[in-house]
C-alpha atoms as a PDB file:
ATOM      1  CA  MET A   1    -133.168  85.390 289.553  1.00  0.00           C
ATOM      2  CA  THR A   2    -130.804  83.873 292.077  1.00  0.00           C
ATOM      3  CA  PHE A   3    -128.621  80.953 291.090  1.00  0.00           C
ATOM      4  CA  ASP A   4    -130.306  78.609 293.550  1.00  0.00           C
ATOM      5  CA  ALA A   5    -133.428  78.683 291.338  1.00  0.00           C
ATOM      6  CA  LEU A   6    -131.378  76.644 288.838  1.00  0.00           C
ATOM      7  CA  TYR A   7    -130.048  74.046 291.305  1.00  0.00           C
ATOM      8  CA  ASP A   8    -132.778  71.424 290.851  1.00  0.00           C
ATOM      9  CA  THR A   9    -132.552  71.513 287.062  1.00  0.00           C
ATOM     10  CA  LEU A  10    -128.738  71.460 287.063  1.00  0.00           C
ATOM     11  CA  ARG A  11    -128.667  68.522 289.461  1.00  0.00           C
ATOM     12  CA  CYS A  12    -131.215  66.621 287.400  1.00  0.00           C
ATOM     13  CA  ILE A  13    -129.213  67.061 284.181  1.00  0.00           C
ATOM     14  CA  LEU A  14    -125.932  66.171 285.884  1.00  0.00           C
ATOM     15  CA  GLY A  15    -127.384  63.122 287.630  1.00  0.00           C
ATOM     16  CA  ASP A  16    -126.236  64.579 290.939  1.00  0.00           C
ATOM     17  CA  GLU A  17    -126.930  62.431 293.980  1.00  0.00           C
ATOM     18  CA  GLU A  18    -127.168  63.308 297.622  1.00  0.00           C
ATOM     19  CA  VAL A  19    -125.260  60.827 299.773  1.00  0.00           C
ATOM     20  CA  HIS A  20    -125.461  61.271 303.549  1.00  0.00           C
ATOM     21  CA  GLY A  21    -126.639  64.857 303.136  1.00  0.00           C
ATOM     22  CA  VAL A  22    -123.810  65.834 300.765  1.00  0.00           C
ATOM     23  CA  TRP A  23    -124.285  66.506 297.043  1.00  0.00           C
ATOM     24  CA  ASN A  24    -121.647  65.459 294.485  1.00  0.00           C
ATOM     25  CA  TYR A  25    -121.781  69.003 293.105  1.00  0.00           C
ATOM     26  CA  SER A  26    -121.800  71.569 295.902  1.00  0.00           C
ATOM     27  CA  ASP A  27    -123.872  74.735 295.731  1.00  0.00           C
ATOM     28  CA  ASP A  28    -120.647  76.733 295.318  1.00  0.00           C
ATOM     29  CA  LYS A  29    -119.667  74.696 292.245  1.00  0.00           C
ATOM     30  CA  LEU A  30    -123.102  75.205 290.706  1.00  0.00           C
ATOM     31  CA  ASP A  31    -122.911  78.938 291.465  1.00  0.00           C
ATOM     32  CA  SER A  32    -119.477  79.280 289.893  1.00  0.00           C
ATOM     33  CA  ALA A  33    -120.574  77.394 286.763  1.00  0.00           C
ATOM     34  CA  VAL A  34    -123.597  79.647 286.211  1.00  0.00           C
ATOM     35  CA  LYS A  35    -121.554  82.751 286.983  1.00  0.00           C
ATOM     36  CA  SER A  36    -118.837  81.626 284.555  1.00  0.00           C
ATOM     37  CA  ILE A  37    -121.355  81.270 281.735  1.00  0.00           C
ATOM     38  CA  PHE A  38    -122.190  84.961 281.973  1.00  0.00           C
ATOM     39  CA  LEU A  39    -118.621  86.133 282.627  1.00  0.00           C
ATOM     40  CA  LEU A  40    -117.465  84.225 279.522  1.00  0.00           C
ATOM     41  CA  GLY A  41    -120.200  85.860 277.445  1.00  0.00           C
ATOM     42  CA  ARG A  42    -122.074  82.601 276.824  1.00  0.00           C
ATOM     43  CA  GLY A  43    -125.300  83.599 278.582  1.00  0.00           C
ATOM     44  CA  PRO A  44    -128.519  84.207 276.645  1.00  0.00           C
ATOM     45  CA  ALA A  45    -128.836  87.587 274.933  1.00  0.00           C
ATOM     46  CA  GLY A  46    -130.437  90.287 277.054  1.00  0.00           C
ATOM     47  CA  TYR A  47    -129.377  88.816 280.394  1.00  0.00           C
ATOM     48  CA  ALA A  48    -126.424  89.611 282.627  1.00  0.00           C
ATOM     49  CA  LEU A  49    -125.200  89.319 286.190  1.00  0.00           C
ATOM     50  CA  ASP A  50    -126.082  92.029 288.678  1.00  0.00           C
ATOM     51  CA  GLU A  51    -123.275  94.210 290.013  1.00  0.00           C
ATOM     52  CA  ASP A  52    -122.681  91.843 292.981  1.00  0.00           C
ATOM     53  CA  GLN A  53    -122.598  88.862 290.581  1.00  0.00           C
ATOM     54  CA  VAL A  54    -125.066  86.855 292.651  1.00  0.00           C
ATOM     55  CA  GLU A  55    -128.185  87.120 290.460  1.00  0.00           C
ATOM     56  CA  ILE A  56    -129.200  87.000 286.812  1.00  0.00           C
ATOM     57  CA  VAL A  57    -130.982  90.170 285.724  1.00  0.00           C
ATOM     58  CA  PRO A  58    -133.641  90.328 284.489  1.00  0.00           C
ATOM     59  CA  ASP A  59    -135.168  87.010 285.574  1.00  0.00           C
ATOM     60  CA  LEU A  60    -135.004  84.256 282.955  1.00  0.00           C
ATOM     61  CA  LYS A  61    -138.483  84.261 281.419  1.00  0.00           C
ATOM     62  CA  SER A  62    -138.109  82.218 278.243  1.00  0.00           C
ATOM     63  CA  GLY A  63    -137.839  78.447 278.493  1.00  0.00           C
ATOM     64  CA  ASP A  64    -135.082  78.507 275.854  1.00  0.00           C
ATOM     65  CA  ASP A  65    -133.054  81.043 277.858  1.00  0.00           C
ATOM     66  CA  PHE A  66    -133.475  79.028 281.052  1.00  0.00           C
ATOM     67  CA  ALA A  67    -132.508  75.812 279.253  1.00  0.00           C
ATOM     68  CA  LEU A  68    -129.537  77.421 277.514  1.00  0.00           C
ATOM     69  CA  THR A  69    -128.175  78.691 280.819  1.00  0.00           C
ATOM     70  CA  CYS A  70    -128.551  75.257 282.428  1.00  0.00           C
ATOM     71  CA  TYR A  71    -127.103  73.349 279.452  1.00  0.00           C
ATOM     72  CA  ASP A  72    -124.087  75.637 279.171  1.00  0.00           C
ATOM     73  CA  ALA A  73    -123.403  75.422 282.907  1.00  0.00           C
ATOM     74  CA  CYS A  74    -123.623  71.614 282.874  1.00  0.00           C
ATOM     75  CA  LYS A  75    -121.403  71.385 279.805  1.00  0.00           C
ATOM     76  CA  LEU A  76    -118.838  73.582 281.512  1.00  0.00           C
ATOM     77  CA  MET A  77    -118.893  71.428 284.653  1.00  0.00           C
ATOM     78  CA  VAL A  78    -118.808  68.001 282.966  1.00  0.00           C
ATOM     79  CA  GLY A  79    -116.265  69.100 280.374  1.00  0.00           C
ATOM     80  CA  GLY A  80    -113.722  69.785 283.102  1.00  0.00           C
ATOM     81  CA  GLU A  81    -113.967  66.322 284.637  1.00  0.00           C
ATOM     82  CA  ASP A  82    -111.952  63.245 283.801  1.00  0.00           C
ATOM     83  CA  GLY A  83    -113.825  60.883 281.538  1.00  0.00           C
ATOM     84  CA  GLU A  84    -112.202  57.601 282.510  1.00  0.00           C
ATOM     85  CA  MET A  85    -111.645  56.315 286.027  1.00  0.00           C
ATOM     86  CA  ARG A  86    -109.925  53.195 287.340  1.00  0.00           C
ATOM     87  CA  LEU A  87    -109.587  51.954 290.887  1.00  0.00           C
ATOM     88  CA  HIS A  88    -107.533  48.876 291.798  1.00  0.00           C
ATOM     89  CA  THR A  89    -107.314  47.274 295.207  1.00  0.00           C
ATOM     90  CA  ARG A  90    -106.630  43.700 296.234  1.00  0.00           C
ATOM     91  CA  GLU A  91    -110.302  42.898 296.630  1.00  0.00           C
ATOM     92  CA  ILE A  92    -111.912  44.911 293.875  1.00  0.00           C
ATOM     93  CA  THR A  93    -111.250  46.502 290.519  1.00  0.00           C
ATOM     94  CA  LEU A  94    -113.503  49.288 289.378  1.00  0.00           C
ATOM     95  CA  HIS A  95    -113.460  50.757 285.888  1.00  0.00           C
ATOM     96  CA  ASP A  96    -115.619  53.516 284.408  1.00  0.00           C
ATOM     97  CA  ALA A  97    -114.879  54.170 280.745  1.00  0.00           C
ATOM     98  CA  GLY A  98    -116.505  57.605 280.912  1.00  0.00           C
ATOM     99  CA  HIS A  99    -119.121  56.921 278.247  1.00  0.00           C
ATOM    100  CA  ARG A 100    -121.854  58.602 280.280  1.00  0.00           C
ATOM    101  CA  LYS A 101    -119.904  61.855 280.420  1.00  0.00           C
ATOM    102  CA  ARG A 102    -119.026  61.666 276.726  1.00  0.00           C
ATOM    103  CA  ASP A 103    -122.649  61.035 275.794  1.00  0.00           C
ATOM    104  CA  LEU A 104    -123.883  63.800 278.102  1.00  0.00           C
ATOM    105  CA  LEU A 105    -121.441  66.287 276.557  1.00  0.00           C
ATOM    106  CA  ALA A 106    -122.563  65.335 273.050  1.00  0.00           C
ATOM    107  CA  GLU A 107    -126.223  65.667 274.006  1.00  0.00           C
ATOM    108  CA  LEU A 108    -125.633  69.044 275.688  1.00  0.00           C
ATOM    109  CA  ALA A 109    -123.713  70.305 272.661  1.00  0.00           C
ATOM    110  CA  GLN A 110    -126.608  69.320 270.383  1.00  0.00           C
ATOM    111  CA  LEU A 111    -129.214  70.926 272.661  1.00  0.00           C
ATOM    112  CA  ILE A 112    -127.185  74.137 272.864  1.00  0.00           C
ATOM    113  CA  TYR A 113    -126.832  74.198 269.078  1.00  0.00           C
ATOM    114  CA  ASP A 114    -130.572  73.640 268.612  1.00  0.00           C
ATOM    115  CA  ILE A 115    -131.383  76.621 270.827  1.00  0.00           C
ATOM    116  CA  ARG A 116    -128.632  79.000 269.663  1.00  0.00           C
ATOM    117  CA  ASP A 117    -128.420  78.295 265.951  1.00  0.00           C
ATOM    118  CA  GLY A 118    -131.475  76.183 265.393  1.00  0.00           C
ATOM    119  CA  SER A 119    -131.473  73.122 263.220  1.00  0.00           C
ATOM    120  CA  ALA A 120    -134.426  74.451 261.271  1.00  0.00           C
ATOM    121  CA  VAL A 121    -133.546  72.778 257.976  1.00  0.00           C
ATOM    122  CA  PHE A 122    -135.258  69.487 258.726  1.00  0.00           C
ATOM    123  CA  THR A 123    -137.593  70.472 261.552  1.00  0.00           C
ATOM    124  CA  THR A 124    -140.631  70.422 259.269  1.00  0.00           C
ATOM    125  CA  ARG A 125    -139.251  67.919 256.758  1.00  0.00           C
ATOM    126  CA  GLN A 126    -138.925  64.217 257.377  1.00  0.00           C
ATOM    127  CA  ASN A 127    -136.007  63.618 255.027  1.00  0.00           C
ATOM    128  CA  PHE A 128    -133.711  65.215 252.458  1.00  0.00           C
ATOM    129  CA  ASP A 129    -136.049  64.430 249.575  1.00  0.00           C
ATOM    130  CA  GLU A 130    -138.885  66.424 251.160  1.00  0.00           C
ATOM    131  CA  PHE A 131    -136.490  69.275 251.890  1.00  0.00           C
ATOM    132  CA  VAL A 132    -135.305  69.466 248.268  1.00  0.00           C
ATOM    133  CA  HIS A 133    -138.875  69.347 246.949  1.00  0.00           C
ATOM    134  CA  SER A 134    -139.857  72.137 249.330  1.00  0.00           C
ATOM    135  CA  LEU A 135    -137.298  74.461 247.737  1.00  0.00           C
ATOM    136  CA  ARG A 136    -139.010  74.363 244.354  1.00  0.00           C
ATOM    137  CA  PRO A 137    -142.338  72.509 244.406  1.00  0.00           C
ATOM    138  CA  GLY A 138    -142.959  70.511 241.280  1.00  0.00           C
ATOM    139  CA  TRP A 139    -139.332  69.997 240.376  1.00  0.00           C
ATOM    140  CA  PRO A 140    -138.415  66.389 239.775  1.00  0.00           C
ATOM    141  CA  LEU A 141    -135.598  65.253 242.030  1.00  0.00           C
ATOM    142  CA  THR A 142    -133.291  64.756 239.034  1.00  0.00           C
ATOM    143  CA  LEU A 143    -133.294  68.503 238.334  1.00  0.00           C
ATOM    144  CA  ALA A 144    -132.359  69.298 241.897  1.00  0.00           C
ATOM    145  CA  THR A 145    -129.306  67.032 241.979  1.00  0.00           C
ATOM    146  CA  VAL A 146    -125.955  67.481 240.315  1.00  0.00           C
ATOM    147  CA  GLU A 147    -124.521  64.860 238.008  1.00  0.00           C
ATOM    148  CA  VAL A 148    -120.824  64.225 238.612  1.00  0.00           C
ATOM    149  CA  MET A 149    -118.544  62.919 235.878  1.00  0.00           C
ATOM    150  CA  THR A 150    -116.415  60.088 237.245  1.00  0.00           C
ATOM    151  CA  GLN A 151    -114.314  59.384 234.133  1.00  0.00           C
ATOM    152  CA  PRO A 152    -111.009  61.232 233.661  1.00  0.00           C
ATOM    153  CA  PRO A 153    -110.580  63.252 230.481  1.00  0.00           C
ATOM    154  CA  GLU A 154    -109.078  61.427 227.518  1.00  0.00           C
ATOM    155  CA  ILE A 155    -105.583  62.494 226.553  1.00  0.00           C
ATOM    156  CA  SER A 156    -104.443  62.121 222.963  1.00  0.00           C
ATOM    157  CA  ILE A 157    -100.846  62.460 221.872  1.00  0.00           C
END
């Protein structure tokens, strides 16, 4: 699979815009981000770069593997950018606090974690109570919790 098969998805996640025929993130930047994921050993298991380092072999078949590659590449690209930006001129003052980038990085980190490690603890449970009851059905919640003593020991002299 060539890197250009990932361009549309990467640009969608990054919010990349084409202005006067020029993208904010060039094809070379997207290529280097995807290539870096595999060179750093962060690519999905079972996939690698070909010997010319221009394609992913074998082709990404699983949706999770495709998503993981895109999320990691976007996280790598956004993580290297400045979060806050200020521009002052006589006529205008522009300020971007960088919240969009911070939020995007947090979302990408969570998506990557969900795919790699899986947050399977609560995926079928709606809350902690249901999770505890699923461990040992029929147990009352009081048996599954620990009682903590909050009083210090008494000292007698």
